[in-house]
N, C-alpha and C. Protein backbone atom coordinates (compact mmCIF):
# COMPACT_ATOMS: atom_id res chain seq x y z
N MET A 1 11.97 63.42 -44.21
CA MET A 1 11.31 64.16 -45.28
C MET A 1 10.14 63.35 -45.86
N SER A 2 10.31 62.01 -45.94
CA SER A 2 9.23 61.21 -46.50
C SER A 2 8.05 61.15 -45.53
N ARG A 3 8.32 61.22 -44.23
CA ARG A 3 7.23 61.26 -43.24
C ARG A 3 6.42 62.55 -43.40
N LEU A 4 7.08 63.67 -43.66
CA LEU A 4 6.41 64.94 -43.88
C LEU A 4 5.52 64.87 -45.13
N LYS A 5 6.02 64.22 -46.18
CA LYS A 5 5.24 64.06 -47.40
C LYS A 5 4.01 63.20 -47.14
N SER A 6 4.17 62.17 -46.34
CA SER A 6 3.04 61.29 -46.01
C SER A 6 1.98 62.04 -45.23
N ILE A 7 2.40 62.84 -44.27
CA ILE A 7 1.46 63.62 -43.47
C ILE A 7 0.75 64.64 -44.34
N LEU A 8 1.48 65.30 -45.22
CA LEU A 8 0.89 66.29 -46.12
C LEU A 8 -0.11 65.62 -47.07
N ALA A 9 0.25 64.47 -47.60
CA ALA A 9 -0.66 63.74 -48.50
C ALA A 9 -1.93 63.34 -47.75
N LEU A 10 -1.80 62.87 -46.52
CA LEU A 10 -2.95 62.49 -45.71
C LEU A 10 -3.84 63.70 -45.43
N ALA A 11 -3.22 64.84 -45.09
CA ALA A 11 -3.98 66.06 -44.81
C ALA A 11 -4.75 66.52 -46.05
N LEU A 12 -4.11 66.49 -47.20
CA LEU A 12 -4.78 66.89 -48.44
C LEU A 12 -5.92 65.93 -48.79
N THR A 13 -5.71 64.65 -48.55
CA THR A 13 -6.77 63.66 -48.80
C THR A 13 -7.96 63.92 -47.89
N LEU A 14 -7.71 64.19 -46.62
CA LEU A 14 -8.79 64.47 -45.68
C LEU A 14 -9.54 65.75 -46.06
N LEU A 15 -8.81 66.77 -46.48
CA LEU A 15 -9.46 68.00 -46.92
C LEU A 15 -10.33 67.75 -48.15
N PHE A 16 -9.84 66.95 -49.06
CA PHE A 16 -10.62 66.63 -50.26
C PHE A 16 -11.90 65.88 -49.89
N ILE A 17 -11.78 64.88 -49.02
CA ILE A 17 -12.95 64.11 -48.59
C ILE A 17 -13.94 65.01 -47.87
N LEU A 18 -13.44 65.87 -46.99
CA LEU A 18 -14.32 66.80 -46.28
C LEU A 18 -15.02 67.74 -47.26
N GLY A 19 -14.29 68.23 -48.23
CA GLY A 19 -14.87 69.11 -49.24
C GLY A 19 -15.94 68.40 -50.05
N MET A 20 -15.72 67.17 -50.39
CA MET A 20 -16.70 66.41 -51.17
C MET A 20 -17.94 66.09 -50.34
N SER A 21 -17.76 65.84 -49.05
CA SER A 21 -18.90 65.49 -48.20
C SER A 21 -19.81 66.68 -47.95
N THR A 22 -19.30 67.89 -48.09
CA THR A 22 -20.14 69.06 -47.87
C THR A 22 -20.52 69.74 -49.19
N ALA A 23 -20.23 69.10 -50.30
CA ALA A 23 -20.48 69.71 -51.59
C ALA A 23 -21.96 69.98 -51.85
N CYS A 24 -22.82 69.22 -51.22
CA CYS A 24 -24.26 69.41 -51.42
C CYS A 24 -24.84 70.48 -50.53
N HIS A 25 -24.05 71.02 -49.66
CA HIS A 25 -24.52 72.03 -48.72
C HIS A 25 -24.04 73.40 -49.20
N VAL A 26 -24.97 74.30 -49.49
CA VAL A 26 -24.62 75.60 -50.05
C VAL A 26 -24.21 76.56 -48.95
N TYR A 27 -23.09 77.21 -49.13
CA TYR A 27 -22.63 78.21 -48.18
C TYR A 27 -22.36 79.50 -48.94
N SER A 28 -22.72 80.61 -48.35
CA SER A 28 -22.42 81.89 -48.99
C SER A 28 -21.63 82.74 -48.01
N PHE A 29 -21.03 83.80 -48.50
CA PHE A 29 -20.23 84.67 -47.65
C PHE A 29 -21.08 85.51 -46.69
N THR A 30 -22.39 85.41 -46.82
CA THR A 30 -23.29 86.12 -45.90
C THR A 30 -23.46 85.33 -44.62
N GLY A 31 -22.95 84.10 -44.58
CA GLY A 31 -23.13 83.24 -43.43
C GLY A 31 -24.29 82.29 -43.62
N ALA A 32 -25.02 82.43 -44.73
CA ALA A 32 -26.16 81.56 -44.99
C ALA A 32 -25.67 80.17 -45.36
N SER A 33 -26.37 79.20 -44.83
CA SER A 33 -25.99 77.82 -45.11
C SER A 33 -27.26 76.99 -45.22
N THR A 34 -27.45 76.35 -46.36
CA THR A 34 -28.61 75.50 -46.56
C THR A 34 -28.33 74.49 -47.65
N SER A 35 -28.97 73.35 -47.54
CA SER A 35 -28.88 72.36 -48.62
C SER A 35 -30.02 72.54 -49.61
N ALA A 36 -30.94 73.43 -49.30
CA ALA A 36 -32.06 73.71 -50.21
C ALA A 36 -31.58 74.42 -51.46
N LYS A 37 -32.28 74.17 -52.53
CA LYS A 37 -31.95 74.82 -53.80
C LYS A 37 -33.07 75.75 -54.26
N THR A 38 -34.29 75.54 -53.72
CA THR A 38 -35.43 76.35 -54.17
C THR A 38 -36.15 76.97 -52.98
N ILE A 39 -36.82 78.09 -53.26
CA ILE A 39 -37.60 78.78 -52.24
C ILE A 39 -38.88 79.33 -52.87
N THR A 40 -39.95 79.25 -52.11
CA THR A 40 -41.20 79.87 -52.51
C THR A 40 -41.51 80.97 -51.51
N ILE A 41 -41.55 82.19 -51.98
CA ILE A 41 -41.93 83.33 -51.15
C ILE A 41 -43.22 83.89 -51.72
N GLU A 42 -44.28 83.76 -50.95
CA GLU A 42 -45.58 84.24 -51.39
C GLU A 42 -45.70 85.74 -51.13
N TYR A 43 -46.60 86.36 -51.86
CA TYR A 43 -46.86 87.79 -51.74
C TYR A 43 -47.34 88.12 -50.33
N PHE A 44 -46.74 89.13 -49.71
CA PHE A 44 -47.11 89.57 -48.37
C PHE A 44 -48.19 90.65 -48.47
N ASN A 45 -49.44 90.22 -48.31
CA ASN A 45 -50.55 91.18 -48.31
C ASN A 45 -50.49 92.02 -47.05
N SER A 46 -51.10 93.17 -47.11
CA SER A 46 -51.14 94.05 -45.94
C SER A 46 -52.47 93.90 -45.21
N LYS A 47 -52.36 93.61 -43.92
CA LYS A 47 -53.53 93.60 -43.04
C LYS A 47 -53.53 94.85 -42.16
N ALA A 48 -52.52 95.70 -42.36
CA ALA A 48 -52.41 96.94 -41.60
C ALA A 48 -53.31 98.00 -42.25
N GLN A 49 -54.11 98.67 -41.44
CA GLN A 49 -55.09 99.62 -41.97
C GLN A 49 -54.46 100.79 -42.71
N ASN A 50 -53.38 101.34 -42.20
CA ASN A 50 -52.83 102.57 -42.77
C ASN A 50 -51.63 102.37 -43.69
N ALA A 51 -51.26 101.14 -43.95
CA ALA A 51 -50.06 100.88 -44.75
C ALA A 51 -50.24 101.38 -46.18
N PRO A 52 -49.19 101.97 -46.75
CA PRO A 52 -49.26 102.39 -48.15
C PRO A 52 -49.50 101.18 -49.05
N VAL A 53 -50.20 101.39 -50.12
CA VAL A 53 -50.53 100.31 -51.05
C VAL A 53 -49.26 99.60 -51.54
N LYS A 54 -48.21 100.36 -51.81
CA LYS A 54 -46.98 99.79 -52.36
C LYS A 54 -46.12 99.06 -51.33
N ALA A 55 -46.47 99.13 -50.05
CA ALA A 55 -45.66 98.49 -49.01
C ALA A 55 -45.56 96.98 -49.23
N SER A 56 -46.65 96.35 -49.61
CA SER A 56 -46.65 94.89 -49.83
C SER A 56 -45.70 94.51 -50.96
N GLN A 57 -45.81 95.21 -52.07
CA GLN A 57 -44.96 94.90 -53.23
C GLN A 57 -43.48 95.15 -52.92
N LEU A 58 -43.18 96.29 -52.30
CA LEU A 58 -41.78 96.62 -51.98
C LEU A 58 -41.18 95.60 -51.03
N PHE A 59 -41.94 95.20 -50.01
CA PHE A 59 -41.41 94.24 -49.04
C PHE A 59 -41.21 92.87 -49.68
N THR A 60 -42.21 92.39 -50.40
CA THR A 60 -42.12 91.06 -51.02
C THR A 60 -40.93 90.99 -51.97
N GLU A 61 -40.74 92.00 -52.79
CA GLU A 61 -39.61 92.01 -53.74
C GLU A 61 -38.27 92.05 -53.02
N ALA A 62 -38.18 92.84 -51.96
CA ALA A 62 -36.93 92.91 -51.20
C ALA A 62 -36.59 91.56 -50.59
N LEU A 63 -37.61 90.88 -50.07
CA LEU A 63 -37.41 89.56 -49.45
C LEU A 63 -36.95 88.54 -50.50
N LYS A 64 -37.61 88.52 -51.64
CA LYS A 64 -37.23 87.60 -52.72
C LYS A 64 -35.80 87.86 -53.18
N ASN A 65 -35.46 89.12 -53.39
CA ASN A 65 -34.11 89.47 -53.86
C ASN A 65 -33.04 89.00 -52.89
N LYS A 66 -33.27 89.18 -51.61
CA LYS A 66 -32.28 88.79 -50.60
C LYS A 66 -32.03 87.28 -50.64
N PHE A 67 -33.10 86.50 -50.64
CA PHE A 67 -32.94 85.05 -50.59
C PHE A 67 -32.38 84.48 -51.89
N VAL A 68 -32.75 85.06 -53.01
CA VAL A 68 -32.23 84.59 -54.29
C VAL A 68 -30.76 84.98 -54.46
N ASN A 69 -30.45 86.25 -54.20
CA ASN A 69 -29.09 86.75 -54.44
C ASN A 69 -28.08 86.33 -53.39
N GLU A 70 -28.45 86.35 -52.13
CA GLU A 70 -27.49 86.05 -51.08
C GLU A 70 -27.65 84.65 -50.49
N GLY A 71 -28.79 84.02 -50.73
CA GLY A 71 -28.99 82.67 -50.25
C GLY A 71 -28.74 81.63 -51.32
N ASN A 72 -28.42 82.10 -52.52
CA ASN A 72 -28.14 81.21 -53.66
C ASN A 72 -29.30 80.24 -53.91
N LEU A 73 -30.53 80.75 -53.81
CA LEU A 73 -31.71 79.94 -54.00
C LEU A 73 -32.45 80.37 -55.26
N LYS A 74 -33.18 79.43 -55.83
CA LYS A 74 -34.01 79.73 -57.01
C LYS A 74 -35.44 79.93 -56.53
N GLN A 75 -36.03 81.07 -56.88
CA GLN A 75 -37.42 81.36 -56.53
C GLN A 75 -38.33 80.54 -57.45
N VAL A 76 -39.23 79.75 -56.85
CA VAL A 76 -40.23 79.00 -57.62
C VAL A 76 -41.61 79.39 -57.11
N ASN A 77 -42.62 79.29 -57.98
CA ASN A 77 -43.96 79.74 -57.62
C ASN A 77 -44.64 78.89 -56.56
N SER A 78 -44.30 77.61 -56.48
CA SER A 78 -44.90 76.75 -55.46
C SER A 78 -43.98 75.57 -55.19
N GLU A 79 -44.21 74.96 -54.04
CA GLU A 79 -43.48 73.75 -53.64
C GLU A 79 -41.97 73.92 -53.53
N GLY A 80 -41.50 75.11 -53.13
CA GLY A 80 -40.08 75.30 -52.87
C GLY A 80 -39.64 74.48 -51.67
N GLU A 81 -38.39 74.13 -51.63
CA GLU A 81 -37.87 73.38 -50.47
C GLU A 81 -37.94 74.24 -49.21
N LEU A 82 -37.76 75.55 -49.37
CA LEU A 82 -38.00 76.50 -48.29
C LEU A 82 -39.24 77.28 -48.67
N ARG A 83 -40.08 77.59 -47.67
CA ARG A 83 -41.32 78.32 -47.96
C ARG A 83 -41.51 79.44 -46.95
N ILE A 84 -41.77 80.63 -47.47
CA ILE A 84 -42.01 81.79 -46.61
C ILE A 84 -43.35 82.40 -47.01
N THR A 85 -44.22 82.52 -46.02
CA THR A 85 -45.50 83.18 -46.21
C THR A 85 -45.67 84.20 -45.08
N GLY A 86 -46.64 85.07 -45.24
CA GLY A 86 -46.91 86.02 -44.17
C GLY A 86 -47.68 87.22 -44.66
N TYR A 87 -47.66 88.26 -43.84
CA TYR A 87 -48.41 89.47 -44.16
C TYR A 87 -47.85 90.65 -43.37
N ILE A 88 -48.14 91.83 -43.85
CA ILE A 88 -47.81 93.05 -43.11
C ILE A 88 -48.91 93.22 -42.07
N SER A 89 -48.53 93.19 -40.81
CA SER A 89 -49.53 93.22 -39.75
C SER A 89 -49.73 94.60 -39.13
N ASN A 90 -48.74 95.46 -39.26
CA ASN A 90 -48.88 96.78 -38.63
C ASN A 90 -48.01 97.81 -39.35
N TYR A 91 -48.53 99.02 -39.43
CA TYR A 91 -47.81 100.16 -39.98
C TYR A 91 -48.25 101.37 -39.17
N THR A 92 -47.29 102.03 -38.54
CA THR A 92 -47.65 103.20 -37.72
C THR A 92 -46.71 104.36 -37.99
N LEU A 93 -47.24 105.56 -37.80
CA LEU A 93 -46.46 106.79 -37.81
C LEU A 93 -46.69 107.42 -36.44
N THR A 94 -45.60 107.59 -35.67
CA THR A 94 -45.71 108.07 -34.30
C THR A 94 -44.81 109.29 -34.12
N SER A 95 -45.37 110.37 -33.57
CA SER A 95 -44.57 111.57 -33.29
C SER A 95 -43.63 111.29 -32.13
N LYS A 96 -42.39 111.72 -32.28
CA LYS A 96 -41.37 111.52 -31.25
C LYS A 96 -40.68 112.86 -30.97
N SER A 97 -39.95 112.91 -29.91
CA SER A 97 -39.15 114.08 -29.53
C SER A 97 -39.96 115.37 -29.48
N PRO A 98 -40.97 115.45 -28.63
CA PRO A 98 -41.75 116.69 -28.55
C PRO A 98 -40.87 117.87 -28.15
N GLN A 99 -41.18 119.01 -28.74
CA GLN A 99 -40.44 120.23 -28.44
C GLN A 99 -41.42 121.24 -27.85
N ALA A 100 -40.90 122.37 -27.42
CA ALA A 100 -41.73 123.44 -26.87
C ALA A 100 -42.81 123.81 -27.87
N GLY A 101 -43.98 124.10 -27.40
CA GLY A 101 -45.09 124.46 -28.28
C GLY A 101 -45.80 123.24 -28.86
N GLU A 102 -45.52 122.07 -28.28
CA GLU A 102 -46.14 120.80 -28.70
C GLU A 102 -45.94 120.48 -30.17
N THR A 103 -44.84 120.85 -30.69
CA THR A 103 -44.48 120.48 -32.06
C THR A 103 -43.56 119.28 -31.97
N SER A 104 -43.75 118.33 -32.81
CA SER A 104 -42.93 117.13 -32.79
C SER A 104 -41.80 117.27 -33.80
N ALA A 105 -40.58 116.97 -33.39
CA ALA A 105 -39.43 117.13 -34.26
C ALA A 105 -39.25 115.96 -35.22
N GLN A 106 -39.65 114.76 -34.80
CA GLN A 106 -39.45 113.60 -35.65
C GLN A 106 -40.70 112.72 -35.64
N VAL A 107 -40.80 111.93 -36.70
CA VAL A 107 -41.87 110.94 -36.79
C VAL A 107 -41.19 109.58 -36.97
N GLN A 108 -41.69 108.61 -36.23
CA GLN A 108 -41.18 107.25 -36.34
C GLN A 108 -42.13 106.43 -37.20
N MET A 109 -41.62 105.93 -38.31
CA MET A 109 -42.38 105.03 -39.18
C MET A 109 -42.02 103.60 -38.79
N THR A 110 -43.02 102.81 -38.43
CA THR A 110 -42.79 101.43 -37.99
C THR A 110 -43.58 100.47 -38.87
N LEU A 111 -42.91 99.41 -39.28
CA LEU A 111 -43.55 98.38 -40.09
C LEU A 111 -43.32 97.05 -39.40
N THR A 112 -44.41 96.27 -39.25
CA THR A 112 -44.33 94.95 -38.63
C THR A 112 -44.85 93.93 -39.63
N VAL A 113 -44.12 92.83 -39.77
CA VAL A 113 -44.55 91.74 -40.65
C VAL A 113 -44.62 90.45 -39.85
N HIS A 114 -45.59 89.64 -40.18
CA HIS A 114 -45.70 88.31 -39.60
C HIS A 114 -45.17 87.33 -40.64
N VAL A 115 -44.27 86.44 -40.22
CA VAL A 115 -43.62 85.51 -41.15
C VAL A 115 -43.80 84.08 -40.65
N ASP A 116 -44.18 83.20 -41.59
CA ASP A 116 -44.22 81.76 -41.35
C ASP A 116 -43.16 81.15 -42.26
N TYR A 117 -42.26 80.36 -41.67
CA TYR A 117 -41.14 79.76 -42.41
C TYR A 117 -41.19 78.25 -42.26
N VAL A 118 -41.01 77.54 -43.38
CA VAL A 118 -40.96 76.08 -43.36
C VAL A 118 -39.81 75.62 -44.23
N ASN A 119 -38.98 74.75 -43.66
CA ASN A 119 -37.92 74.08 -44.40
C ASN A 119 -38.39 72.64 -44.60
N THR A 120 -38.78 72.29 -45.83
CA THR A 120 -39.33 70.96 -46.08
C THR A 120 -38.27 69.86 -45.98
N LEU A 121 -37.00 70.25 -45.93
CA LEU A 121 -35.92 69.28 -45.83
C LEU A 121 -35.57 68.94 -44.38
N ASP A 122 -36.12 69.72 -43.45
CA ASP A 122 -35.83 69.51 -42.03
C ASP A 122 -37.10 69.81 -41.24
N GLU A 123 -37.77 68.76 -40.79
CA GLU A 123 -39.06 68.94 -40.12
C GLU A 123 -39.00 69.76 -38.84
N LYS A 124 -37.82 69.92 -38.28
CA LYS A 124 -37.68 70.73 -37.06
C LYS A 124 -37.42 72.21 -37.36
N ASP A 125 -37.16 72.52 -38.61
CA ASP A 125 -36.80 73.89 -38.99
C ASP A 125 -38.01 74.62 -39.57
N HIS A 126 -38.91 75.01 -38.68
CA HIS A 126 -40.05 75.83 -39.08
C HIS A 126 -40.41 76.73 -37.90
N TRP A 127 -40.91 77.92 -38.22
CA TRP A 127 -41.24 78.88 -37.18
C TRP A 127 -42.21 79.94 -37.70
N SER A 128 -42.83 80.61 -36.76
CA SER A 128 -43.69 81.77 -37.02
C SER A 128 -43.23 82.88 -36.10
N GLN A 129 -43.08 84.09 -36.65
CA GLN A 129 -42.57 85.19 -35.82
C GLN A 129 -42.98 86.52 -36.42
N ASP A 130 -43.18 87.50 -35.55
CA ASP A 130 -43.39 88.88 -35.97
C ASP A 130 -42.05 89.60 -35.94
N PHE A 131 -41.78 90.38 -36.98
CA PHE A 131 -40.57 91.19 -37.07
C PHE A 131 -41.00 92.64 -37.21
N SER A 132 -40.37 93.52 -36.47
CA SER A 132 -40.73 94.93 -36.51
C SER A 132 -39.47 95.79 -36.57
N ARG A 133 -39.50 96.79 -37.44
CA ARG A 133 -38.39 97.76 -37.56
C ARG A 133 -38.98 99.14 -37.82
N TYR A 134 -38.14 100.15 -37.60
CA TYR A 134 -38.62 101.52 -37.77
C TYR A 134 -37.53 102.41 -38.34
N SER A 135 -37.97 103.59 -38.77
CA SER A 135 -37.06 104.62 -39.26
C SER A 135 -37.66 105.98 -38.89
N PHE A 136 -36.81 106.93 -38.60
CA PHE A 136 -37.26 108.28 -38.25
C PHE A 136 -37.12 109.21 -39.45
N TYR A 137 -37.99 110.21 -39.47
CA TYR A 137 -37.84 111.30 -40.44
C TYR A 137 -38.33 112.59 -39.78
N GLU A 138 -37.87 113.70 -40.33
CA GLU A 138 -38.23 115.01 -39.77
C GLU A 138 -39.72 115.27 -39.97
N SER A 139 -40.36 115.81 -38.94
CA SER A 139 -41.80 116.05 -39.01
C SER A 139 -42.17 117.10 -40.06
N THR A 140 -41.21 117.90 -40.47
CA THR A 140 -41.47 118.91 -41.50
C THR A 140 -41.40 118.32 -42.92
N ALA A 141 -40.91 117.10 -43.04
CA ALA A 141 -40.77 116.48 -44.36
C ALA A 141 -42.13 116.08 -44.92
N ASN A 142 -42.24 116.11 -46.24
CA ASN A 142 -43.43 115.68 -46.94
C ASN A 142 -43.38 114.16 -47.05
N LEU A 143 -44.29 113.47 -46.38
CA LEU A 143 -44.28 112.00 -46.33
C LEU A 143 -44.28 111.39 -47.73
N SER A 144 -45.07 111.89 -48.62
CA SER A 144 -45.15 111.29 -49.96
C SER A 144 -43.82 111.37 -50.71
N SER A 145 -42.98 112.33 -50.37
CA SER A 145 -41.70 112.46 -51.07
C SER A 145 -40.60 111.58 -50.47
N ILE A 146 -40.78 111.11 -49.24
CA ILE A 146 -39.74 110.30 -48.60
C ILE A 146 -40.21 108.88 -48.26
N GLU A 147 -41.48 108.60 -48.48
CA GLU A 147 -42.05 107.33 -48.05
C GLU A 147 -41.34 106.11 -48.65
N ASP A 148 -41.08 106.12 -49.95
CA ASP A 148 -40.40 104.98 -50.59
C ASP A 148 -39.03 104.75 -49.98
N ALA A 149 -38.28 105.82 -49.76
CA ALA A 149 -36.93 105.69 -49.19
C ALA A 149 -37.00 105.12 -47.77
N LYS A 150 -37.94 105.61 -46.98
CA LYS A 150 -38.07 105.14 -45.59
C LYS A 150 -38.53 103.68 -45.56
N LEU A 151 -39.49 103.33 -46.43
CA LEU A 151 -39.90 101.93 -46.50
C LEU A 151 -38.73 101.05 -46.94
N GLY A 152 -37.91 101.55 -47.85
CA GLY A 152 -36.72 100.81 -48.28
C GLY A 152 -35.76 100.55 -47.13
N GLU A 153 -35.52 101.57 -46.29
CA GLU A 153 -34.66 101.40 -45.11
C GLU A 153 -35.21 100.33 -44.18
N ILE A 154 -36.50 100.44 -43.90
CA ILE A 154 -37.14 99.49 -42.99
C ILE A 154 -37.12 98.08 -43.60
N ASN A 155 -37.44 97.97 -44.88
CA ASN A 155 -37.45 96.67 -45.53
C ASN A 155 -36.08 96.01 -45.49
N THR A 156 -35.03 96.79 -45.69
CA THR A 156 -33.67 96.25 -45.63
C THR A 156 -33.40 95.62 -44.27
N GLN A 157 -33.82 96.30 -43.21
CA GLN A 157 -33.61 95.78 -41.85
C GLN A 157 -34.46 94.53 -41.59
N LEU A 158 -35.73 94.59 -42.00
CA LEU A 158 -36.62 93.45 -41.79
C LEU A 158 -36.14 92.22 -42.55
N VAL A 159 -35.79 92.42 -43.80
CA VAL A 159 -35.34 91.31 -44.64
C VAL A 159 -34.06 90.70 -44.07
N GLU A 160 -33.16 91.52 -43.58
CA GLU A 160 -31.92 91.01 -42.96
C GLU A 160 -32.25 90.16 -41.74
N ASP A 161 -33.19 90.62 -40.91
CA ASP A 161 -33.60 89.86 -39.72
C ASP A 161 -34.19 88.50 -40.11
N ILE A 162 -35.04 88.49 -41.11
CA ILE A 162 -35.70 87.25 -41.55
C ILE A 162 -34.68 86.30 -42.17
N PHE A 163 -33.81 86.83 -43.01
CA PHE A 163 -32.75 86.04 -43.65
C PHE A 163 -31.86 85.39 -42.59
N ASN A 164 -31.45 86.19 -41.60
CA ASN A 164 -30.59 85.67 -40.54
C ASN A 164 -31.29 84.57 -39.74
N LYS A 165 -32.55 84.76 -39.42
CA LYS A 165 -33.29 83.74 -38.66
C LYS A 165 -33.44 82.47 -39.49
N ALA A 166 -33.72 82.60 -40.78
CA ALA A 166 -33.99 81.45 -41.62
C ALA A 166 -32.72 80.69 -42.05
N LEU A 167 -31.71 81.41 -42.48
CA LEU A 167 -30.54 80.74 -43.07
C LEU A 167 -29.25 80.85 -42.28
N VAL A 168 -29.07 81.92 -41.56
CA VAL A 168 -27.85 82.10 -40.79
C VAL A 168 -28.01 81.49 -39.40
N LYS A 169 -29.26 81.38 -38.97
CA LYS A 169 -29.62 80.80 -37.67
C LYS A 169 -29.14 81.62 -36.51
N TRP A 170 -29.26 82.96 -36.64
CA TRP A 170 -28.92 83.86 -35.54
C TRP A 170 -30.09 84.03 -34.64
């Protein structure tokens, strides 16, 4: 019985030491893991000719919210330990699923963003990549009435992709 107590005490001690050694490394239930505490996400201007004016603001805010809320990071205006910059590079509306009489049943809204990521705490952890996502809507729908919702769907997907690449390392 005393040998069992010794083994249990040793196991608890090792768990405590392991827990203390990783205390500076932030982990969240999203799978994100970073030792960084701050992030700077700059405004994503649109270089896409047809993109709605509000696309830049909606995307930038969605990106900031994801990293702050799920990455447990503090947004700072400059010199964050993690830095994300970029721009909206493409926005297209494409007719899909042609039907008889050359009427299109759906329209595909596609948004592409270019992202530059730098982790100042790890010189090997930096990258540049284009991310593209889309959403369909009925061709009979009024674009102005559904545009915000569709951009929201696309932004959710894009932000998830960027978050996973930056912090989850997928």
